[in-house]
C-alpha cells in the first residue's frame, strides 16, 4: 500500500560524489563537500525547459498506450521518466543506462528492447519492467521504485525494504512526489 506524502519543495538537481573507497553517492541536496552537479532541472523560460515540455507532450501518447497495455498508472510512468531522463530519449547515465526510462543493457534485452534510444521501445520495455516490479513487491510502489533504482538484489539484501542508500532514498521520495503531482493533473499532458 502506498502512503503518499507531500514535499513542499523538491529539487531535481542531481549531485554525485565518489568517496575514497570508490563508493558512489547521489543526492539532490548535498550536505557535505565533494559533490559535483551532474544534472540540472530545467527552469521555466529556458530552452532546456521548453525541450522538456515539448518532449513530455510528444511522448505522452506512447506512455499512455504502454501504461494501458501493462496496467500501470500513466502518472507513475511519467513521474519515473521525469526523474530518470527528464524526457530525453538520448539520455545516457555513467552506469550505462540509456533512454527515457534509463534501461540497462540486460534489462532492455530481457524486455525485448533492441534500441534503447528508440522512445517507443524504451517506454514499452521500461513499463513492462515496472509492472514486473510492482507485481513482485505486491504493488508496494515505494519498493518497486527502490528496485528500479538500486536493483532487486539490493532490495532483497535489506529484507525487502528500501535500501539505506541516500541515492535510492532520495529517488523514491522524488518519484513519489512527482507521481502525486502527475495524478493531480491527470497525467494528460
N, C-alpha and C. Protein backbone atom coordinates (compact mmCIF):
# COMPACT_ATOMS: atom_id res chain seq x y z
N UNK A 1 0.84 -1.19 0.00
CA UNK A 1 0.00 0.00 0.00
C UNK A 1 0.88 1.24 0.00
N UNK A 2 0.55 2.18 -0.82
CA UNK A 2 1.32 3.40 -0.94
C UNK A 2 0.75 4.47 -0.02
N UNK A 3 1.62 5.07 0.75
CA UNK A 3 1.25 6.22 1.54
C UNK A 3 1.87 7.42 0.85
N UNK A 4 1.04 8.30 0.37
CA UNK A 4 1.55 9.49 -0.30
C UNK A 4 1.82 10.57 0.72
N UNK A 5 2.89 11.31 0.49
CA UNK A 5 3.21 12.43 1.33
C UNK A 5 3.55 13.58 0.42
N UNK A 6 3.38 14.78 0.90
CA UNK A 6 3.62 15.96 0.08
C UNK A 6 4.93 16.58 0.50
N UNK A 7 5.80 16.77 -0.46
CA UNK A 7 7.03 17.52 -0.24
C UNK A 7 6.74 18.93 -0.72
N UNK A 8 6.98 19.90 0.10
CA UNK A 8 6.67 21.26 -0.32
C UNK A 8 7.64 21.76 -1.37
N UNK A 9 8.85 21.22 -1.38
CA UNK A 9 9.82 21.62 -2.38
C UNK A 9 10.69 20.43 -2.74
N UNK A 10 10.73 20.10 -4.00
CA UNK A 10 11.57 19.00 -4.45
C UNK A 10 12.52 19.54 -5.49
N UNK A 11 13.80 19.42 -5.22
CA UNK A 11 14.80 19.82 -6.19
C UNK A 11 15.22 18.59 -6.96
N UNK A 12 15.23 18.69 -8.26
CA UNK A 12 15.64 17.54 -9.06
C UNK A 12 17.07 17.71 -9.56
N UNK A 13 17.76 18.78 -9.16
CA UNK A 13 19.18 18.86 -9.48
C UNK A 13 19.83 17.66 -8.82
N UNK A 14 20.74 17.01 -9.54
CA UNK A 14 21.35 15.79 -9.02
C UNK A 14 22.85 15.98 -8.89
N UNK A 15 23.37 15.62 -7.71
CA UNK A 15 24.79 15.74 -7.41
C UNK A 15 25.38 14.36 -7.15
N UNK A 16 26.66 14.21 -7.46
CA UNK A 16 27.34 12.92 -7.30
C UNK A 16 28.66 13.13 -6.58
N UNK A 17 29.02 12.14 -5.75
CA UNK A 17 30.31 12.14 -5.06
C UNK A 17 30.82 10.71 -5.02
N UNK A 18 32.10 10.51 -5.24
CA UNK A 18 32.74 9.21 -5.09
C UNK A 18 33.71 9.34 -3.92
N UNK A 19 33.54 8.48 -2.88
CA UNK A 19 34.42 8.57 -1.72
C UNK A 19 35.73 7.84 -1.96
N UNK A 20 36.63 7.88 -1.01
CA UNK A 20 37.97 7.30 -1.19
C UNK A 20 37.95 5.78 -1.34
N UNK A 21 36.83 5.15 -1.00
CA UNK A 21 36.71 3.70 -1.15
C UNK A 21 36.05 3.31 -2.47
N UNK A 22 35.73 4.30 -3.28
CA UNK A 22 35.10 4.04 -4.57
C UNK A 22 33.59 3.95 -4.51
N UNK A 23 32.98 4.22 -3.34
CA UNK A 23 31.52 4.22 -3.22
C UNK A 23 30.97 5.49 -3.84
N UNK A 24 29.91 5.34 -4.61
CA UNK A 24 29.28 6.47 -5.28
C UNK A 24 28.02 6.88 -4.54
N UNK A 25 27.87 8.16 -4.33
CA UNK A 25 26.70 8.70 -3.64
C UNK A 25 26.04 9.76 -4.52
N UNK A 26 24.71 9.74 -4.53
CA UNK A 26 23.92 10.72 -5.27
C UNK A 26 22.98 11.40 -4.31
N UNK A 27 22.73 12.67 -4.54
CA UNK A 27 21.76 13.39 -3.73
C UNK A 27 21.22 14.58 -4.51
N UNK A 28 20.08 15.07 -4.07
CA UNK A 28 19.56 16.31 -4.66
C UNK A 28 19.87 17.50 -3.76
N UNK A 29 20.39 17.21 -2.55
CA UNK A 29 20.73 18.28 -1.60
C UNK A 29 22.04 17.92 -0.91
N UNK A 30 23.18 18.29 -1.49
CA UNK A 30 24.45 17.94 -0.87
C UNK A 30 24.60 18.63 0.48
N UNK A 31 24.93 17.82 1.51
CA UNK A 31 25.09 18.38 2.84
C UNK A 31 26.55 18.38 3.28
N UNK A 32 27.42 17.84 2.41
CA UNK A 32 28.85 17.85 2.68
C UNK A 32 29.57 18.21 1.39
N UNK A 33 30.87 18.42 1.49
CA UNK A 33 31.66 18.77 0.32
C UNK A 33 31.91 17.57 -0.58
N UNK A 34 32.47 17.83 -1.73
CA UNK A 34 32.87 16.77 -2.62
C UNK A 34 31.84 16.38 -3.67
N UNK A 35 30.63 16.93 -3.60
CA UNK A 35 29.60 16.60 -4.58
C UNK A 35 29.77 17.49 -5.81
N UNK A 36 29.51 16.89 -6.99
CA UNK A 36 29.54 17.64 -8.24
C UNK A 36 28.17 17.57 -8.88
N UNK A 37 27.71 18.68 -9.41
CA UNK A 37 26.43 18.73 -10.11
C UNK A 37 26.55 17.92 -11.39
N UNK A 38 25.63 16.94 -11.58
CA UNK A 38 25.67 16.15 -12.80
C UNK A 38 24.41 16.32 -13.64
N UNK A 39 23.32 16.84 -13.06
CA UNK A 39 22.11 17.08 -13.84
C UNK A 39 21.34 18.23 -13.20
N UNK A 40 21.00 19.22 -14.00
CA UNK A 40 20.24 20.36 -13.50
C UNK A 40 18.82 20.29 -14.05
N UNK A 41 17.85 20.59 -13.19
CA UNK A 41 16.46 20.64 -13.61
C UNK A 41 16.25 21.86 -14.49
N UNK A 42 15.62 21.68 -15.64
CA UNK A 42 15.35 22.85 -16.48
C UNK A 42 14.45 23.85 -15.76
N UNK A 43 14.77 25.12 -15.88
CA UNK A 43 13.98 26.19 -15.27
C UNK A 43 13.03 26.76 -16.32
N UNK A 44 11.86 27.20 -15.87
CA UNK A 44 10.89 27.80 -16.79
C UNK A 44 11.53 28.95 -17.55
N UNK A 45 11.20 29.01 -18.83
CA UNK A 45 11.71 30.08 -19.67
C UNK A 45 13.00 29.73 -20.39
N UNK A 46 13.66 28.63 -20.01
CA UNK A 46 14.90 28.26 -20.67
C UNK A 46 14.61 27.35 -21.86
N UNK A 47 15.60 27.24 -22.75
CA UNK A 47 15.47 26.34 -23.90
C UNK A 47 15.31 24.90 -23.40
N UNK A 48 16.10 24.52 -22.37
CA UNK A 48 16.01 23.16 -21.83
C UNK A 48 14.61 22.87 -21.30
N UNK A 49 13.99 23.86 -20.64
CA UNK A 49 12.64 23.66 -20.13
C UNK A 49 11.65 23.48 -21.27
N UNK A 50 11.81 24.27 -22.33
CA UNK A 50 10.91 24.15 -23.48
C UNK A 50 11.07 22.78 -24.13
N UNK A 51 12.32 22.29 -24.24
CA UNK A 51 12.55 20.94 -24.77
C UNK A 51 11.89 19.90 -23.87
N UNK A 52 12.05 20.06 -22.56
CA UNK A 52 11.45 19.15 -21.59
C UNK A 52 9.94 19.10 -21.80
N UNK A 53 9.31 20.24 -21.88
CA UNK A 53 7.85 20.32 -22.03
C UNK A 53 7.41 19.72 -23.37
N UNK A 54 8.10 20.06 -24.44
CA UNK A 54 7.76 19.52 -25.76
C UNK A 54 7.96 18.01 -25.80
N UNK A 55 9.06 17.54 -25.22
CA UNK A 55 9.32 16.10 -25.19
C UNK A 55 8.27 15.36 -24.37
N UNK A 56 7.88 15.93 -23.24
CA UNK A 56 6.86 15.30 -22.40
C UNK A 56 5.55 15.17 -23.18
N UNK A 57 5.16 16.21 -23.89
CA UNK A 57 3.92 16.16 -24.67
C UNK A 57 4.04 15.17 -25.82
N UNK A 58 5.22 15.12 -26.46
CA UNK A 58 5.42 14.21 -27.59
C UNK A 58 5.36 12.75 -27.15
N UNK A 59 5.90 12.43 -25.97
CA UNK A 59 5.96 11.04 -25.51
C UNK A 59 4.71 10.60 -24.74
N UNK A 60 3.87 11.52 -24.34
CA UNK A 60 2.68 11.19 -23.54
C UNK A 60 1.78 10.14 -24.20
N UNK A 61 1.50 10.22 -25.51
CA UNK A 61 0.64 9.18 -26.10
C UNK A 61 1.23 7.76 -25.97
N UNK A 62 2.53 7.61 -26.19
CA UNK A 62 3.17 6.30 -26.03
C UNK A 62 3.14 5.85 -24.58
N UNK A 63 3.34 6.79 -23.67
CA UNK A 63 3.30 6.45 -22.25
C UNK A 63 1.91 5.95 -21.88
N UNK A 64 0.88 6.65 -22.33
CA UNK A 64 -0.49 6.22 -22.03
C UNK A 64 -0.79 4.85 -22.64
N UNK A 65 -0.34 4.62 -23.89
CA UNK A 65 -0.58 3.35 -24.57
C UNK A 65 0.07 2.18 -23.82
N UNK A 66 1.33 2.32 -23.47
CA UNK A 66 2.03 1.23 -22.79
C UNK A 66 1.53 1.07 -21.35
N UNK A 67 1.13 2.16 -20.74
CA UNK A 67 0.56 2.07 -19.38
C UNK A 67 -0.73 1.26 -19.39
N UNK A 68 -1.56 1.49 -20.41
CA UNK A 68 -2.79 0.70 -20.53
C UNK A 68 -2.45 -0.77 -20.78
N UNK A 69 -1.52 -1.01 -21.69
CA UNK A 69 -1.15 -2.38 -22.05
C UNK A 69 -0.66 -3.17 -20.82
N UNK A 70 0.14 -2.54 -19.98
CA UNK A 70 0.73 -3.27 -18.83
C UNK A 70 0.05 -2.93 -17.51
N UNK A 71 -1.05 -2.20 -17.60
CA UNK A 71 -1.85 -1.88 -16.41
C UNK A 71 -1.02 -1.23 -15.30
N UNK A 72 -0.35 -0.15 -15.71
CA UNK A 72 0.44 0.67 -14.79
C UNK A 72 -0.10 2.09 -14.91
N UNK A 73 -0.26 2.75 -13.79
CA UNK A 73 -0.76 4.12 -13.80
C UNK A 73 0.16 5.00 -14.65
N UNK A 74 -0.37 5.67 -15.70
CA UNK A 74 0.49 6.52 -16.53
C UNK A 74 1.15 7.64 -15.73
N UNK A 75 0.52 8.09 -14.68
CA UNK A 75 1.13 9.13 -13.84
C UNK A 75 2.42 8.62 -13.20
N UNK A 76 2.44 7.34 -12.84
CA UNK A 76 3.65 6.75 -12.25
C UNK A 76 4.75 6.64 -13.31
N UNK A 77 4.39 6.21 -14.50
CA UNK A 77 5.39 6.09 -15.57
C UNK A 77 5.95 7.47 -15.90
N UNK A 78 5.09 8.48 -15.97
CA UNK A 78 5.55 9.84 -16.26
C UNK A 78 6.48 10.37 -15.17
N UNK A 79 6.14 10.09 -13.92
CA UNK A 79 7.00 10.52 -12.81
C UNK A 79 8.36 9.85 -12.87
N UNK A 80 8.35 8.57 -13.23
CA UNK A 80 9.60 7.83 -13.33
C UNK A 80 10.46 8.37 -14.48
N UNK A 81 9.85 8.58 -15.65
CA UNK A 81 10.58 9.12 -16.79
C UNK A 81 11.10 10.52 -16.49
N UNK A 82 10.28 11.34 -15.87
CA UNK A 82 10.69 12.70 -15.49
C UNK A 82 11.96 12.63 -14.66
N UNK A 83 11.99 11.71 -13.70
CA UNK A 83 13.13 11.59 -12.78
C UNK A 83 14.33 10.94 -13.45
N UNK A 84 14.09 9.91 -14.25
CA UNK A 84 15.19 9.17 -14.86
C UNK A 84 15.91 9.96 -15.95
N UNK A 85 15.16 10.64 -16.82
CA UNK A 85 15.78 11.23 -18.01
C UNK A 85 15.30 12.63 -18.35
N UNK A 86 14.37 13.17 -17.59
CA UNK A 86 13.77 14.46 -17.92
C UNK A 86 13.23 14.47 -19.35
N UNK A 87 12.69 13.30 -19.77
CA UNK A 87 12.07 13.11 -21.09
C UNK A 87 13.06 13.23 -22.25
N UNK A 88 14.33 12.98 -21.98
CA UNK A 88 15.35 12.99 -23.04
C UNK A 88 15.61 11.56 -23.48
N UNK A 89 15.15 11.19 -24.67
CA UNK A 89 15.25 9.81 -25.12
C UNK A 89 16.68 9.39 -25.43
N UNK A 90 17.60 10.34 -25.49
CA UNK A 90 19.01 10.02 -25.74
C UNK A 90 19.86 10.10 -24.48
N UNK A 91 19.21 10.24 -23.33
CA UNK A 91 19.94 10.33 -22.06
C UNK A 91 20.75 9.06 -21.82
N UNK A 92 21.97 9.24 -21.33
CA UNK A 92 22.85 8.12 -21.01
C UNK A 92 23.46 8.40 -19.64
N UNK A 93 23.35 7.41 -18.74
CA UNK A 93 23.96 7.57 -17.42
C UNK A 93 25.39 7.06 -17.45
N UNK A 94 26.17 7.44 -16.46
CA UNK A 94 27.55 6.95 -16.37
C UNK A 94 27.59 5.45 -16.12
N UNK A 95 26.50 4.89 -15.58
CA UNK A 95 26.44 3.45 -15.33
C UNK A 95 26.07 2.67 -16.59
N UNK A 96 25.68 3.39 -17.65
CA UNK A 96 25.34 2.73 -18.90
C UNK A 96 23.86 2.58 -19.17
N UNK A 97 23.02 3.16 -18.31
CA UNK A 97 21.57 3.14 -18.56
C UNK A 97 21.27 4.15 -19.66
N UNK A 98 20.31 3.81 -20.52
CA UNK A 98 20.04 4.62 -21.71
C UNK A 98 18.55 4.85 -21.89
N UNK A 99 18.22 6.04 -22.42
CA UNK A 99 16.86 6.33 -22.87
C UNK A 99 15.96 6.93 -21.82
N UNK A 100 14.71 7.08 -22.21
CA UNK A 100 13.71 7.72 -21.36
C UNK A 100 13.59 7.06 -19.99
N UNK A 101 13.56 5.74 -19.98
CA UNK A 101 13.38 5.01 -18.72
C UNK A 101 14.70 4.45 -18.20
N UNK A 102 15.81 4.89 -18.79
CA UNK A 102 17.16 4.55 -18.35
C UNK A 102 17.34 3.05 -18.16
N UNK A 103 17.20 2.32 -19.25
CA UNK A 103 17.32 0.86 -19.20
C UNK A 103 18.77 0.43 -19.34
N UNK A 104 19.17 -0.51 -18.50
CA UNK A 104 20.48 -1.14 -18.60
C UNK A 104 20.41 -2.18 -19.72
N UNK A 105 21.55 -2.56 -20.30
CA UNK A 105 21.53 -3.49 -21.44
C UNK A 105 20.80 -4.80 -21.17
N UNK A 106 21.05 -5.46 -20.04
CA UNK A 106 20.41 -6.75 -19.77
C UNK A 106 18.90 -6.60 -19.58
N UNK A 107 18.49 -5.54 -18.90
CA UNK A 107 17.05 -5.30 -18.70
C UNK A 107 16.39 -5.06 -20.05
N UNK A 108 17.01 -4.22 -20.86
CA UNK A 108 16.46 -3.93 -22.19
C UNK A 108 16.33 -5.21 -23.01
N UNK A 109 17.36 -6.02 -23.02
CA UNK A 109 17.33 -7.28 -23.78
C UNK A 109 16.23 -8.19 -23.26
N UNK A 110 16.12 -8.31 -21.95
CA UNK A 110 15.10 -9.18 -21.34
C UNK A 110 13.69 -8.77 -21.76
N UNK A 111 13.47 -7.47 -21.89
CA UNK A 111 12.13 -6.98 -22.22
C UNK A 111 11.97 -6.61 -23.69
N UNK A 112 12.86 -7.12 -24.53
CA UNK A 112 12.69 -7.01 -25.98
C UNK A 112 13.03 -5.67 -26.59
N UNK A 113 13.82 -4.87 -25.89
CA UNK A 113 14.21 -3.55 -26.42
C UNK A 113 15.51 -3.71 -27.19
N UNK A 114 15.44 -3.49 -28.50
CA UNK A 114 16.63 -3.63 -29.34
C UNK A 114 17.42 -2.32 -29.42
N UNK A 115 16.70 -1.19 -29.41
CA UNK A 115 17.33 0.13 -29.49
C UNK A 115 16.85 0.95 -28.29
N UNK A 116 17.70 1.09 -27.29
CA UNK A 116 17.30 1.78 -26.05
C UNK A 116 17.02 3.26 -26.25
N UNK A 117 17.52 3.85 -27.35
CA UNK A 117 17.22 5.27 -27.61
C UNK A 117 15.92 5.44 -28.39
N UNK A 118 15.32 4.34 -28.83
CA UNK A 118 14.03 4.39 -29.51
C UNK A 118 12.96 4.58 -28.42
N UNK A 119 12.32 5.74 -28.44
CA UNK A 119 11.38 6.09 -27.37
C UNK A 119 10.28 5.05 -27.19
N UNK A 120 9.68 4.62 -28.27
CA UNK A 120 8.57 3.66 -28.17
C UNK A 120 9.04 2.35 -27.54
N UNK A 121 10.17 1.81 -28.02
CA UNK A 121 10.70 0.57 -27.46
C UNK A 121 11.08 0.75 -25.99
N UNK A 122 11.72 1.87 -25.68
CA UNK A 122 12.18 2.12 -24.31
C UNK A 122 11.01 2.21 -23.35
N UNK A 123 9.98 2.94 -23.73
CA UNK A 123 8.79 3.08 -22.88
C UNK A 123 8.11 1.72 -22.70
N UNK A 124 8.00 0.96 -23.78
CA UNK A 124 7.37 -0.36 -23.70
C UNK A 124 8.16 -1.27 -22.75
N UNK A 125 9.47 -1.37 -22.95
CA UNK A 125 10.29 -2.24 -22.11
C UNK A 125 10.34 -1.77 -20.67
N UNK A 126 10.48 -0.47 -20.48
CA UNK A 126 10.55 0.08 -19.11
C UNK A 126 9.24 -0.08 -18.36
N UNK A 127 8.13 0.13 -19.04
CA UNK A 127 6.82 -0.02 -18.39
C UNK A 127 6.55 -1.48 -18.06
N UNK A 128 6.94 -2.36 -18.96
CA UNK A 128 6.78 -3.80 -18.70
C UNK A 128 7.64 -4.22 -17.49
N UNK A 129 8.85 -3.69 -17.40
CA UNK A 129 9.74 -3.98 -16.27
C UNK A 129 9.13 -3.41 -14.97
N UNK A 130 8.60 -2.20 -15.04
CA UNK A 130 7.97 -1.60 -13.86
C UNK A 130 6.79 -2.45 -13.41
N UNK A 131 6.00 -2.95 -14.35
CA UNK A 131 4.87 -3.83 -13.99
C UNK A 131 5.38 -5.08 -13.27
N UNK A 132 6.46 -5.67 -13.77
CA UNK A 132 7.07 -6.83 -13.12
C UNK A 132 7.43 -6.49 -11.67
N UNK A 133 8.06 -5.34 -11.46
CA UNK A 133 8.47 -4.94 -10.11
C UNK A 133 7.25 -4.71 -9.21
N UNK A 134 6.23 -4.08 -9.75
CA UNK A 134 5.01 -3.86 -8.96
C UNK A 134 4.41 -5.19 -8.52
N UNK A 135 4.35 -6.15 -9.43
CA UNK A 135 3.82 -7.47 -9.07
C UNK A 135 4.71 -8.15 -8.04
N UNK A 136 6.02 -8.08 -8.25
CA UNK A 136 6.95 -8.75 -7.33
C UNK A 136 6.82 -8.22 -5.91
N UNK A 137 6.60 -6.93 -5.76
CA UNK A 137 6.51 -6.30 -4.43
C UNK A 137 5.07 -6.02 -4.03
N UNK A 138 4.17 -6.82 -4.56
CA UNK A 138 2.74 -6.76 -4.19
C UNK A 138 2.19 -5.33 -4.27
N UNK A 139 2.58 -4.64 -5.33
CA UNK A 139 2.11 -3.30 -5.65
C UNK A 139 2.48 -2.25 -4.61
N UNK A 140 3.55 -2.52 -3.85
CA UNK A 140 4.14 -1.50 -2.98
C UNK A 140 4.99 -0.61 -3.89
N UNK A 141 4.47 0.53 -4.23
CA UNK A 141 5.12 1.41 -5.21
C UNK A 141 6.50 1.82 -4.75
N UNK A 142 6.66 2.12 -3.48
CA UNK A 142 7.96 2.55 -2.97
C UNK A 142 9.03 1.46 -3.15
N UNK A 143 8.67 0.21 -2.87
CA UNK A 143 9.63 -0.89 -3.05
C UNK A 143 9.93 -1.11 -4.53
N UNK A 144 8.90 -1.03 -5.36
CA UNK A 144 9.11 -1.19 -6.81
C UNK A 144 10.06 -0.11 -7.32
N UNK A 145 9.89 1.12 -6.87
CA UNK A 145 10.77 2.21 -7.29
C UNK A 145 12.19 2.00 -6.76
N UNK A 146 12.30 1.54 -5.53
CA UNK A 146 13.63 1.27 -4.96
C UNK A 146 14.34 0.21 -5.79
N UNK A 147 13.62 -0.83 -6.19
CA UNK A 147 14.21 -1.88 -7.01
C UNK A 147 14.56 -1.35 -8.39
N UNK A 148 13.75 -0.47 -8.94
CA UNK A 148 14.04 0.12 -10.25
C UNK A 148 15.36 0.88 -10.17
N UNK A 149 15.59 1.57 -9.06
CA UNK A 149 16.78 2.39 -8.89
C UNK A 149 18.00 1.58 -8.46
N UNK A 150 17.86 0.77 -7.43
CA UNK A 150 19.01 0.09 -6.83
C UNK A 150 19.14 -1.36 -7.26
N UNK A 151 18.08 -1.92 -7.83
CA UNK A 151 18.09 -3.31 -8.24
C UNK A 151 17.34 -4.20 -7.27
N UNK A 152 16.80 -5.27 -7.80
CA UNK A 152 16.04 -6.22 -6.99
C UNK A 152 16.92 -6.89 -5.94
N UNK A 153 18.18 -7.13 -6.27
CA UNK A 153 19.10 -7.76 -5.33
C UNK A 153 19.31 -6.89 -4.10
N UNK A 154 19.44 -5.59 -4.31
CA UNK A 154 19.65 -4.67 -3.18
C UNK A 154 18.43 -4.64 -2.26
N UNK A 155 17.24 -4.64 -2.85
CA UNK A 155 16.01 -4.65 -2.03
C UNK A 155 15.93 -5.95 -1.23
N UNK A 156 16.26 -7.07 -1.86
CA UNK A 156 16.24 -8.36 -1.16
C UNK A 156 17.28 -8.38 -0.04
N UNK A 157 18.46 -7.82 -0.31
CA UNK A 157 19.55 -7.79 0.69
C UNK A 157 19.10 -7.12 1.98
N UNK A 158 18.24 -6.13 1.87
CA UNK A 158 17.78 -5.39 3.05
C UNK A 158 16.38 -5.84 3.48
N UNK A 159 16.08 -7.11 3.27
CA UNK A 159 14.84 -7.69 3.78
C UNK A 159 13.59 -7.15 3.13
N UNK A 160 13.64 -6.91 1.81
CA UNK A 160 12.52 -6.33 1.07
C UNK A 160 12.08 -5.00 1.66
N UNK A 161 13.08 -4.19 1.96
CA UNK A 161 12.86 -2.81 2.40
C UNK A 161 13.69 -1.92 1.48
N UNK A 162 13.39 -0.64 1.50
CA UNK A 162 14.16 0.30 0.68
C UNK A 162 15.60 0.31 1.20
N UNK A 163 16.58 0.05 0.32
CA UNK A 163 17.97 0.05 0.78
C UNK A 163 18.36 1.39 1.39
N UNK A 164 19.27 1.36 2.34
CA UNK A 164 19.65 2.60 3.05
C UNK A 164 20.65 3.46 2.28
N UNK A 165 20.55 3.46 0.96
CA UNK A 165 21.42 4.29 0.14
C UNK A 165 20.77 5.66 -0.02
N UNK A 166 21.55 6.71 0.17
CA UNK A 166 21.00 8.07 0.02
C UNK A 166 20.36 8.26 -1.35
N UNK A 167 21.04 7.80 -2.40
CA UNK A 167 20.51 7.96 -3.75
C UNK A 167 19.14 7.32 -3.87
N UNK A 168 19.00 6.09 -3.38
CA UNK A 168 17.73 5.37 -3.52
C UNK A 168 16.65 5.99 -2.65
N UNK A 169 17.00 6.36 -1.43
CA UNK A 169 16.03 7.01 -0.54
C UNK A 169 15.51 8.29 -1.18
N UNK A 170 16.41 9.11 -1.72
CA UNK A 170 16.00 10.36 -2.37
C UNK A 170 15.21 10.10 -3.65
N UNK A 171 15.65 9.12 -4.41
CA UNK A 171 14.97 8.76 -5.66
C UNK A 171 13.51 8.41 -5.39
N UNK A 172 13.27 7.56 -4.41
CA UNK A 172 11.90 7.15 -4.09
C UNK A 172 11.07 8.37 -3.70
N UNK A 173 11.62 9.23 -2.87
CA UNK A 173 10.88 10.43 -2.44
C UNK A 173 10.54 11.33 -3.62
N UNK A 174 11.51 11.54 -4.51
CA UNK A 174 11.30 12.43 -5.66
C UNK A 174 10.25 11.84 -6.60
N UNK A 175 10.37 10.55 -6.91
CA UNK A 175 9.41 9.94 -7.85
C UNK A 175 8.01 9.93 -7.25
N UNK A 176 7.89 9.60 -5.97
CA UNK A 176 6.56 9.59 -5.33
C UNK A 176 5.96 10.99 -5.32
N UNK A 177 6.78 11.99 -5.05
CA UNK A 177 6.28 13.37 -5.07
C UNK A 177 5.80 13.76 -6.47
N UNK A 178 6.58 13.40 -7.47
CA UNK A 178 6.18 13.70 -8.85
C UNK A 178 4.96 12.89 -9.24
N UNK A 179 4.89 11.68 -8.80
CA UNK A 179 3.72 10.82 -9.07
C UNK A 179 2.46 11.51 -8.55
N UNK A 180 2.53 12.01 -7.34
CA UNK A 180 1.37 12.69 -6.78
C UNK A 180 1.00 13.91 -7.63
N UNK A 181 1.98 14.65 -8.08
CA UNK A 181 1.70 15.82 -8.91
C UNK A 181 1.09 15.43 -10.25
N UNK A 182 1.62 14.37 -10.88
CA UNK A 182 1.04 13.92 -12.15
C UNK A 182 -0.38 13.38 -11.96
N UNK A 183 -0.65 12.75 -10.82
CA UNK A 183 -2.03 12.28 -10.55
C UNK A 183 -2.96 13.47 -10.42
N UNK A 184 -2.48 14.53 -9.78
CA UNK A 184 -3.32 15.72 -9.59
C UNK A 184 -3.70 16.38 -10.90
N UNK A 185 -2.77 16.35 -11.87
CA UNK A 185 -3.07 16.97 -13.17
C UNK A 185 -3.64 15.97 -14.16
N UNK A 186 -3.77 14.72 -13.74
CA UNK A 186 -4.39 13.70 -14.58
C UNK A 186 -3.47 13.07 -15.59
N UNK A 187 -2.16 13.31 -15.51
CA UNK A 187 -1.17 12.73 -16.42
C UNK A 187 -1.63 12.82 -17.87
N UNK A 188 -2.32 13.90 -18.19
CA UNK A 188 -2.88 14.04 -19.55
C UNK A 188 -2.10 15.03 -20.39
N UNK A 189 -0.92 15.31 -19.99
CA UNK A 189 -0.12 16.32 -20.73
C UNK A 189 0.27 15.83 -22.09
